[in-house]
């Protein structure tokens, strides 16, 4: 009888310890160009770090020496410029697209807002007086 209880307890623990799809491990990899370039790539995968890395490299159009990876499902990139007219493209046609990127912030997190907040914080900390904007976010599905 005691052996039966131990087996039942062991089965219950193994079922509880098995991650659900929502808790399954995930990886995010971010590549970004050094300022003043704007290129970046973000990859996220619930399969493997390598899958996320390949996706991020593929999405970055230029040389992207800045790299960050984390065992988290979400990643974000924020870019900072001196003239905020650069960011009017999200509200409509761009007025000014020649402003060079001054800073880049990379962020990771368990949620999209968490990754975006970290990217914004990292962008703003690099140089005073820049206007930062999240320009890309990806979360593993």
N, C-alpha and C. Protein backbone atom coordinates (compact mmCIF):
# COMPACT_ATOMS: atom_id res chain seq x y z
N UNK A 1 0.82 -1.18 0.00
CA UNK A 1 0.00 0.00 0.00
C UNK A 1 0.88 1.26 0.00
N UNK A 2 1.94 1.26 0.82
CA UNK A 2 2.84 2.41 0.88
C UNK A 2 3.56 2.59 -0.45
N UNK A 3 3.91 1.46 -1.10
CA UNK A 3 4.58 1.54 -2.40
C UNK A 3 3.66 2.16 -3.44
N UNK A 4 2.37 1.84 -3.37
CA UNK A 4 1.38 2.41 -4.29
C UNK A 4 1.28 3.93 -4.11
N UNK A 5 1.30 4.36 -2.86
CA UNK A 5 1.22 5.80 -2.58
C UNK A 5 2.46 6.52 -3.09
N UNK A 6 3.63 5.89 -2.92
CA UNK A 6 4.87 6.50 -3.42
C UNK A 6 4.86 6.63 -4.94
N UNK A 7 4.37 5.61 -5.61
CA UNK A 7 4.30 5.66 -7.08
C UNK A 7 3.31 6.74 -7.51
N UNK A 8 2.16 6.82 -6.84
CA UNK A 8 1.18 7.86 -7.17
C UNK A 8 1.75 9.25 -6.94
N UNK A 9 2.47 9.41 -5.82
CA UNK A 9 3.08 10.70 -5.53
C UNK A 9 4.14 11.06 -6.57
N UNK A 10 4.95 10.08 -6.97
CA UNK A 10 5.99 10.32 -7.98
C UNK A 10 5.37 10.71 -9.31
N UNK A 11 4.27 10.05 -9.70
CA UNK A 11 3.59 10.39 -10.95
C UNK A 11 2.99 11.79 -10.89
N UNK A 12 2.40 12.15 -9.76
CA UNK A 12 1.81 13.47 -9.61
C UNK A 12 2.88 14.56 -9.68
N UNK A 13 4.02 14.32 -9.06
CA UNK A 13 5.11 15.29 -9.10
C UNK A 13 5.64 15.44 -10.51
N UNK A 14 5.80 14.33 -11.25
CA UNK A 14 6.34 14.43 -12.61
C UNK A 14 5.36 15.14 -13.54
N UNK A 15 4.06 14.95 -13.34
CA UNK A 15 3.07 15.65 -14.17
C UNK A 15 3.11 17.14 -13.85
N UNK A 16 3.20 17.50 -12.57
CA UNK A 16 3.24 18.90 -12.18
C UNK A 16 4.53 19.58 -12.63
N UNK A 17 5.63 18.83 -12.70
CA UNK A 17 6.92 19.41 -13.05
C UNK A 17 7.09 19.58 -14.56
N UNK A 18 6.25 18.91 -15.37
CA UNK A 18 6.34 19.03 -16.81
C UNK A 18 5.80 20.39 -17.24
N UNK A 19 6.62 21.18 -17.95
CA UNK A 19 6.15 22.51 -18.31
C UNK A 19 5.01 22.45 -19.31
N UNK A 20 4.03 23.32 -19.13
CA UNK A 20 2.94 23.43 -20.09
C UNK A 20 3.48 24.19 -21.29
N UNK A 21 2.75 24.19 -22.42
CA UNK A 21 3.24 24.94 -23.58
C UNK A 21 3.49 26.41 -23.25
N UNK A 22 2.71 27.01 -22.36
CA UNK A 22 2.92 28.41 -22.00
C UNK A 22 4.20 28.58 -21.19
N UNK A 23 4.64 27.53 -20.50
CA UNK A 23 5.85 27.60 -19.69
C UNK A 23 7.06 27.00 -20.39
N UNK A 24 6.86 26.49 -21.61
CA UNK A 24 7.96 25.84 -22.32
C UNK A 24 9.12 26.81 -22.47
N UNK A 25 10.34 26.30 -22.42
CA UNK A 25 11.50 27.18 -22.54
C UNK A 25 11.47 27.94 -23.88
N UNK A 26 11.98 29.13 -23.86
CA UNK A 26 12.04 29.95 -25.08
C UNK A 26 13.36 30.70 -25.09
N UNK A 27 13.78 31.06 -26.29
CA UNK A 27 15.01 31.83 -26.46
C UNK A 27 14.73 33.03 -27.34
N UNK A 28 15.39 34.13 -27.04
CA UNK A 28 15.34 35.30 -27.90
C UNK A 28 16.77 35.74 -28.19
N UNK A 29 17.02 36.11 -29.44
CA UNK A 29 18.34 36.60 -29.86
C UNK A 29 18.11 37.90 -30.62
N UNK A 30 18.93 38.90 -30.31
CA UNK A 30 18.82 40.21 -30.96
C UNK A 30 20.18 40.58 -31.54
N UNK A 31 20.18 41.01 -32.79
CA UNK A 31 21.35 41.59 -33.43
C UNK A 31 21.00 43.01 -33.82
N UNK A 32 21.94 43.92 -33.66
CA UNK A 32 21.71 45.31 -34.06
C UNK A 32 22.98 45.92 -34.61
N UNK A 33 22.80 46.82 -35.56
CA UNK A 33 23.92 47.55 -36.12
C UNK A 33 24.37 48.61 -35.11
N UNK A 34 25.61 48.97 -35.20
CA UNK A 34 26.13 50.07 -34.37
C UNK A 34 25.61 51.38 -34.94
N UNK A 35 25.30 52.34 -34.07
CA UNK A 35 24.87 53.65 -34.56
C UNK A 35 25.97 54.22 -35.47
N UNK A 36 25.61 54.92 -36.53
CA UNK A 36 24.31 55.50 -36.85
C UNK A 36 23.41 54.61 -37.70
N UNK A 37 23.78 53.37 -37.94
CA UNK A 37 22.97 52.49 -38.76
C UNK A 37 21.69 52.07 -38.03
N UNK A 38 20.65 51.71 -38.80
CA UNK A 38 19.35 51.36 -38.22
C UNK A 38 19.03 49.86 -38.28
N UNK A 39 19.87 49.07 -38.90
CA UNK A 39 19.56 47.65 -39.09
C UNK A 39 19.48 46.90 -37.77
N UNK A 40 18.55 45.95 -37.70
CA UNK A 40 18.46 45.07 -36.54
C UNK A 40 17.69 43.81 -36.94
N UNK A 41 17.81 42.78 -36.15
CA UNK A 41 17.06 41.55 -36.35
C UNK A 41 16.78 40.91 -35.00
N UNK A 42 15.56 40.44 -34.83
CA UNK A 42 15.18 39.77 -33.58
C UNK A 42 14.62 38.40 -33.95
N UNK A 43 15.07 37.38 -33.26
CA UNK A 43 14.56 36.04 -33.46
C UNK A 43 14.15 35.44 -32.14
N UNK A 44 13.04 34.71 -32.13
CA UNK A 44 12.58 34.05 -30.91
C UNK A 44 12.11 32.66 -31.27
N UNK A 45 12.38 31.72 -30.38
CA UNK A 45 12.03 30.33 -30.66
C UNK A 45 11.73 29.58 -29.37
N UNK A 46 10.77 28.72 -29.41
CA UNK A 46 10.50 27.81 -28.30
C UNK A 46 11.24 26.48 -28.52
N UNK A 47 11.95 26.38 -29.64
CA UNK A 47 12.66 25.15 -29.96
C UNK A 47 14.10 25.15 -29.46
N UNK A 48 14.89 26.14 -29.91
CA UNK A 48 16.31 26.14 -29.57
C UNK A 48 16.92 27.52 -29.77
N UNK A 49 18.00 27.76 -29.05
CA UNK A 49 18.74 29.00 -29.19
C UNK A 49 19.20 29.18 -30.63
N UNK A 50 19.66 28.12 -31.26
CA UNK A 50 20.16 28.19 -32.64
C UNK A 50 19.07 28.66 -33.60
N UNK A 51 17.84 28.21 -33.41
CA UNK A 51 16.74 28.63 -34.28
C UNK A 51 16.51 30.13 -34.16
N UNK A 52 16.52 30.64 -32.93
CA UNK A 52 16.34 32.08 -32.71
C UNK A 52 17.50 32.86 -33.31
N UNK A 53 18.73 32.35 -33.18
CA UNK A 53 19.90 33.02 -33.71
C UNK A 53 19.84 33.11 -35.23
N UNK A 54 19.47 32.03 -35.88
CA UNK A 54 19.38 32.01 -37.35
C UNK A 54 18.33 33.02 -37.82
N UNK A 55 17.19 33.06 -37.16
CA UNK A 55 16.13 34.00 -37.53
C UNK A 55 16.59 35.45 -37.35
N UNK A 56 17.25 35.76 -36.24
CA UNK A 56 17.72 37.13 -35.98
C UNK A 56 18.76 37.55 -37.01
N UNK A 57 19.69 36.67 -37.34
CA UNK A 57 20.72 36.99 -38.35
C UNK A 57 20.07 37.25 -39.71
N UNK A 58 19.08 36.43 -40.06
CA UNK A 58 18.40 36.57 -41.35
C UNK A 58 17.68 37.92 -41.45
N UNK A 59 17.10 38.37 -40.34
CA UNK A 59 16.33 39.62 -40.34
C UNK A 59 17.20 40.88 -40.33
N UNK A 60 18.46 40.77 -39.93
CA UNK A 60 19.33 41.94 -39.89
C UNK A 60 19.97 42.11 -41.26
N UNK A 61 19.61 43.19 -41.95
CA UNK A 61 20.03 43.39 -43.34
C UNK A 61 21.50 43.77 -43.49
N UNK A 62 22.07 44.42 -42.51
CA UNK A 62 23.46 44.88 -42.62
C UNK A 62 24.35 44.21 -41.61
N UNK A 63 25.56 44.71 -41.46
CA UNK A 63 26.42 44.18 -40.41
C UNK A 63 25.84 44.54 -39.05
N UNK A 64 25.66 43.57 -38.22
CA UNK A 64 25.03 43.77 -36.91
C UNK A 64 25.90 43.19 -35.81
N UNK A 65 26.90 43.94 -35.35
CA UNK A 65 27.83 43.41 -34.36
C UNK A 65 27.27 43.35 -32.93
N UNK A 66 26.25 44.15 -32.63
CA UNK A 66 25.68 44.11 -31.28
C UNK A 66 24.79 42.88 -31.16
N UNK A 67 25.00 42.10 -30.11
CA UNK A 67 24.24 40.85 -29.96
C UNK A 67 23.83 40.66 -28.52
N UNK A 68 22.64 40.13 -28.35
CA UNK A 68 22.17 39.78 -27.01
C UNK A 68 21.28 38.56 -27.14
N UNK A 69 21.42 37.62 -26.22
CA UNK A 69 20.50 36.48 -26.18
C UNK A 69 20.11 36.24 -24.74
N UNK A 70 18.96 35.62 -24.59
CA UNK A 70 18.46 35.32 -23.24
C UNK A 70 17.46 34.17 -23.31
N UNK A 71 17.38 33.39 -22.24
CA UNK A 71 16.40 32.30 -22.19
C UNK A 71 15.02 32.85 -21.80
N UNK A 72 14.55 33.81 -22.56
CA UNK A 72 13.26 34.46 -22.33
C UNK A 72 12.50 34.51 -23.65
N UNK A 73 11.18 34.63 -23.61
CA UNK A 73 10.42 34.58 -24.86
C UNK A 73 10.37 35.86 -25.69
N UNK A 74 10.69 37.03 -25.11
CA UNK A 74 10.49 38.29 -25.84
C UNK A 74 11.76 39.13 -25.92
N UNK A 75 11.88 39.85 -27.03
CA UNK A 75 13.00 40.76 -27.22
C UNK A 75 12.52 42.02 -27.92
N UNK A 76 13.23 43.13 -27.68
CA UNK A 76 12.87 44.41 -28.29
C UNK A 76 14.13 45.23 -28.58
N UNK A 77 14.00 46.11 -29.57
CA UNK A 77 15.07 47.04 -29.93
C UNK A 77 14.48 48.44 -29.88
N UNK A 78 15.20 49.35 -29.22
CA UNK A 78 14.83 50.76 -29.22
C UNK A 78 15.99 51.55 -29.81
N UNK A 79 15.67 52.57 -30.59
CA UNK A 79 16.69 53.42 -31.18
C UNK A 79 16.44 54.86 -30.74
N UNK A 80 17.52 55.59 -30.53
CA UNK A 80 17.41 56.98 -30.10
C UNK A 80 18.03 57.93 -31.10
N UNK A 81 17.33 59.05 -31.34
CA UNK A 81 17.81 60.09 -32.23
C UNK A 81 17.70 61.44 -31.52
N UNK A 82 18.36 62.44 -32.06
CA UNK A 82 18.27 63.79 -31.51
C UNK A 82 17.01 64.51 -31.96
N UNK A 83 16.53 64.22 -33.15
CA UNK A 83 15.38 64.92 -33.71
C UNK A 83 14.20 63.96 -33.76
N UNK A 84 13.16 64.21 -32.98
CA UNK A 84 12.07 63.25 -32.92
C UNK A 84 11.20 63.22 -34.17
N UNK A 85 11.45 64.09 -35.14
CA UNK A 85 10.69 63.99 -36.40
C UNK A 85 10.94 62.66 -37.08
N UNK A 86 12.09 62.02 -36.79
CA UNK A 86 12.39 60.70 -37.35
C UNK A 86 11.29 59.70 -37.04
N UNK A 87 10.68 59.82 -35.87
CA UNK A 87 9.69 58.84 -35.44
C UNK A 87 8.29 59.12 -35.93
N UNK A 88 8.07 60.19 -36.70
CA UNK A 88 6.74 60.48 -37.23
C UNK A 88 6.28 59.43 -38.23
N UNK A 89 7.17 58.56 -38.67
CA UNK A 89 6.75 57.53 -39.64
C UNK A 89 5.73 56.57 -39.04
N UNK A 90 5.66 56.45 -37.71
CA UNK A 90 4.65 55.58 -37.10
C UNK A 90 3.28 56.24 -37.12
N UNK A 91 3.25 57.56 -37.20
CA UNK A 91 1.99 58.29 -37.23
C UNK A 91 1.55 58.57 -38.66
N UNK A 92 2.40 58.39 -39.60
CA UNK A 92 2.09 58.67 -41.01
C UNK A 92 3.37 58.73 -41.80
N UNK A 93 3.34 59.36 -42.96
CA UNK A 93 4.55 59.45 -43.78
C UNK A 93 5.68 60.15 -43.02
N UNK A 94 6.89 59.67 -43.21
CA UNK A 94 8.04 60.25 -42.51
C UNK A 94 8.32 61.66 -43.02
N UNK A 95 8.52 62.58 -42.11
CA UNK A 95 8.91 63.94 -42.48
C UNK A 95 10.41 63.97 -42.70
N UNK A 96 11.14 63.29 -41.83
CA UNK A 96 12.60 63.32 -41.87
C UNK A 96 13.11 61.93 -41.59
N UNK A 97 13.81 61.35 -42.55
CA UNK A 97 14.36 60.01 -42.33
C UNK A 97 15.88 60.01 -42.37
N UNK A 98 16.47 61.17 -42.39
CA UNK A 98 17.93 61.24 -42.49
C UNK A 98 18.61 61.36 -41.14
N UNK A 99 17.84 61.44 -40.07
CA UNK A 99 18.45 61.55 -38.75
C UNK A 99 19.20 60.27 -38.41
N UNK A 100 20.48 60.40 -38.06
CA UNK A 100 21.22 59.19 -37.70
C UNK A 100 20.82 58.69 -36.31
N UNK A 101 20.83 57.40 -36.17
CA UNK A 101 20.57 56.79 -34.87
C UNK A 101 21.77 57.11 -33.98
N UNK A 102 21.50 57.59 -32.78
CA UNK A 102 22.56 57.93 -31.83
C UNK A 102 22.81 56.83 -30.82
N UNK A 103 21.74 56.14 -30.41
CA UNK A 103 21.87 55.08 -29.42
C UNK A 103 20.97 53.91 -29.80
N UNK A 104 21.34 52.74 -29.30
CA UNK A 104 20.54 51.53 -29.50
C UNK A 104 20.40 50.85 -28.16
N UNK A 105 19.19 50.43 -27.84
CA UNK A 105 18.94 49.69 -26.61
C UNK A 105 18.32 48.34 -26.94
N UNK A 106 18.86 47.30 -26.36
CA UNK A 106 18.34 45.95 -26.56
C UNK A 106 17.70 45.50 -25.26
N UNK A 107 16.51 44.91 -25.34
CA UNK A 107 15.82 44.45 -24.14
C UNK A 107 15.23 43.08 -24.31
N UNK A 108 15.19 42.33 -23.23
CA UNK A 108 14.56 41.01 -23.22
C UNK A 108 13.62 40.94 -22.02
N UNK A 109 12.66 40.03 -22.09
CA UNK A 109 11.74 39.90 -20.97
C UNK A 109 10.78 38.75 -21.13
N UNK A 110 10.01 38.52 -20.10
CA UNK A 110 8.99 37.46 -20.13
C UNK A 110 7.76 37.88 -20.93
N UNK A 111 7.57 39.20 -21.06
CA UNK A 111 6.42 39.73 -21.82
C UNK A 111 6.92 40.81 -22.76
N UNK A 112 6.09 41.14 -23.74
CA UNK A 112 6.45 42.19 -24.68
C UNK A 112 6.66 43.54 -23.98
N UNK A 113 5.74 43.97 -23.09
CA UNK A 113 5.97 45.25 -22.40
C UNK A 113 7.27 45.26 -21.56
N UNK A 114 7.61 44.13 -20.96
CA UNK A 114 8.83 44.05 -20.16
C UNK A 114 10.07 44.21 -21.05
N UNK A 115 10.08 43.56 -22.21
CA UNK A 115 11.21 43.67 -23.14
C UNK A 115 11.31 45.09 -23.68
N UNK A 116 10.17 45.69 -24.01
CA UNK A 116 10.18 47.06 -24.54
C UNK A 116 10.68 48.05 -23.49
N UNK A 117 10.25 47.89 -22.26
CA UNK A 117 10.69 48.80 -21.19
C UNK A 117 12.20 48.70 -20.99
N UNK A 118 12.74 47.49 -21.03
CA UNK A 118 14.18 47.32 -20.86
C UNK A 118 14.95 47.94 -22.03
N UNK A 119 14.44 47.78 -23.26
CA UNK A 119 15.08 48.38 -24.43
C UNK A 119 15.06 49.90 -24.34
N UNK A 120 13.93 50.47 -23.93
CA UNK A 120 13.83 51.93 -23.80
C UNK A 120 14.79 52.45 -22.73
N UNK A 121 14.86 51.74 -21.62
CA UNK A 121 15.76 52.14 -20.53
C UNK A 121 17.23 52.09 -21.00
N UNK A 122 17.59 51.01 -21.70
CA UNK A 122 18.96 50.87 -22.20
C UNK A 122 19.29 51.95 -23.23
N UNK A 123 18.34 52.29 -24.07
CA UNK A 123 18.54 53.34 -25.08
C UNK A 123 18.76 54.69 -24.42
N UNK A 124 17.89 55.04 -23.48
CA UNK A 124 17.95 56.35 -22.82
C UNK A 124 19.20 56.51 -21.96
N UNK A 125 19.71 55.42 -21.40
CA UNK A 125 20.88 55.50 -20.53
C UNK A 125 22.17 55.77 -21.28
N UNK A 126 22.18 55.50 -22.57
CA UNK A 126 23.42 55.62 -23.34
C UNK A 126 23.81 57.07 -23.66
N UNK A 127 22.81 57.93 -23.82
CA UNK A 127 23.12 59.32 -24.16
C UNK A 127 21.98 60.23 -23.72
N UNK A 128 22.32 61.30 -23.03
CA UNK A 128 21.30 62.26 -22.59
C UNK A 128 20.77 63.05 -23.78
N UNK A 129 19.48 63.36 -23.72
CA UNK A 129 18.88 64.23 -24.73
C UNK A 129 18.39 63.53 -25.98
N UNK A 130 18.48 62.22 -26.04
CA UNK A 130 17.96 61.53 -27.22
C UNK A 130 16.50 61.17 -27.00
N UNK A 131 15.78 61.05 -28.11
CA UNK A 131 14.41 60.56 -28.06
C UNK A 131 14.44 59.11 -28.51
N UNK A 132 14.04 58.21 -27.63
CA UNK A 132 14.08 56.78 -27.93
C UNK A 132 12.70 56.28 -28.33
N UNK A 133 12.69 55.29 -29.19
CA UNK A 133 11.45 54.68 -29.66
C UNK A 133 11.70 53.20 -29.90
N UNK A 134 10.78 52.35 -29.47
CA UNK A 134 10.87 50.93 -29.77
C UNK A 134 10.60 50.76 -31.27
N UNK A 135 11.52 50.12 -31.97
CA UNK A 135 11.38 49.94 -33.41
C UNK A 135 11.12 48.49 -33.80
N UNK A 136 11.23 47.58 -32.85
CA UNK A 136 10.94 46.19 -33.15
C UNK A 136 10.79 45.36 -31.89
N UNK A 137 9.83 44.44 -31.94
CA UNK A 137 9.58 43.52 -30.82
C UNK A 137 9.16 42.17 -31.38
N UNK A 138 9.65 41.11 -30.78
CA UNK A 138 9.26 39.75 -31.16
C UNK A 138 9.13 38.91 -29.90
N UNK A 139 8.10 38.08 -29.86
CA UNK A 139 7.94 37.10 -28.77
C UNK A 139 7.76 35.72 -29.39
N UNK A 140 8.35 34.71 -28.76
CA UNK A 140 8.19 33.33 -29.22
C UNK A 140 6.73 32.92 -29.04
N UNK A 141 6.25 32.13 -29.95
CA UNK A 141 4.85 31.67 -29.89
C UNK A 141 4.79 30.25 -29.44
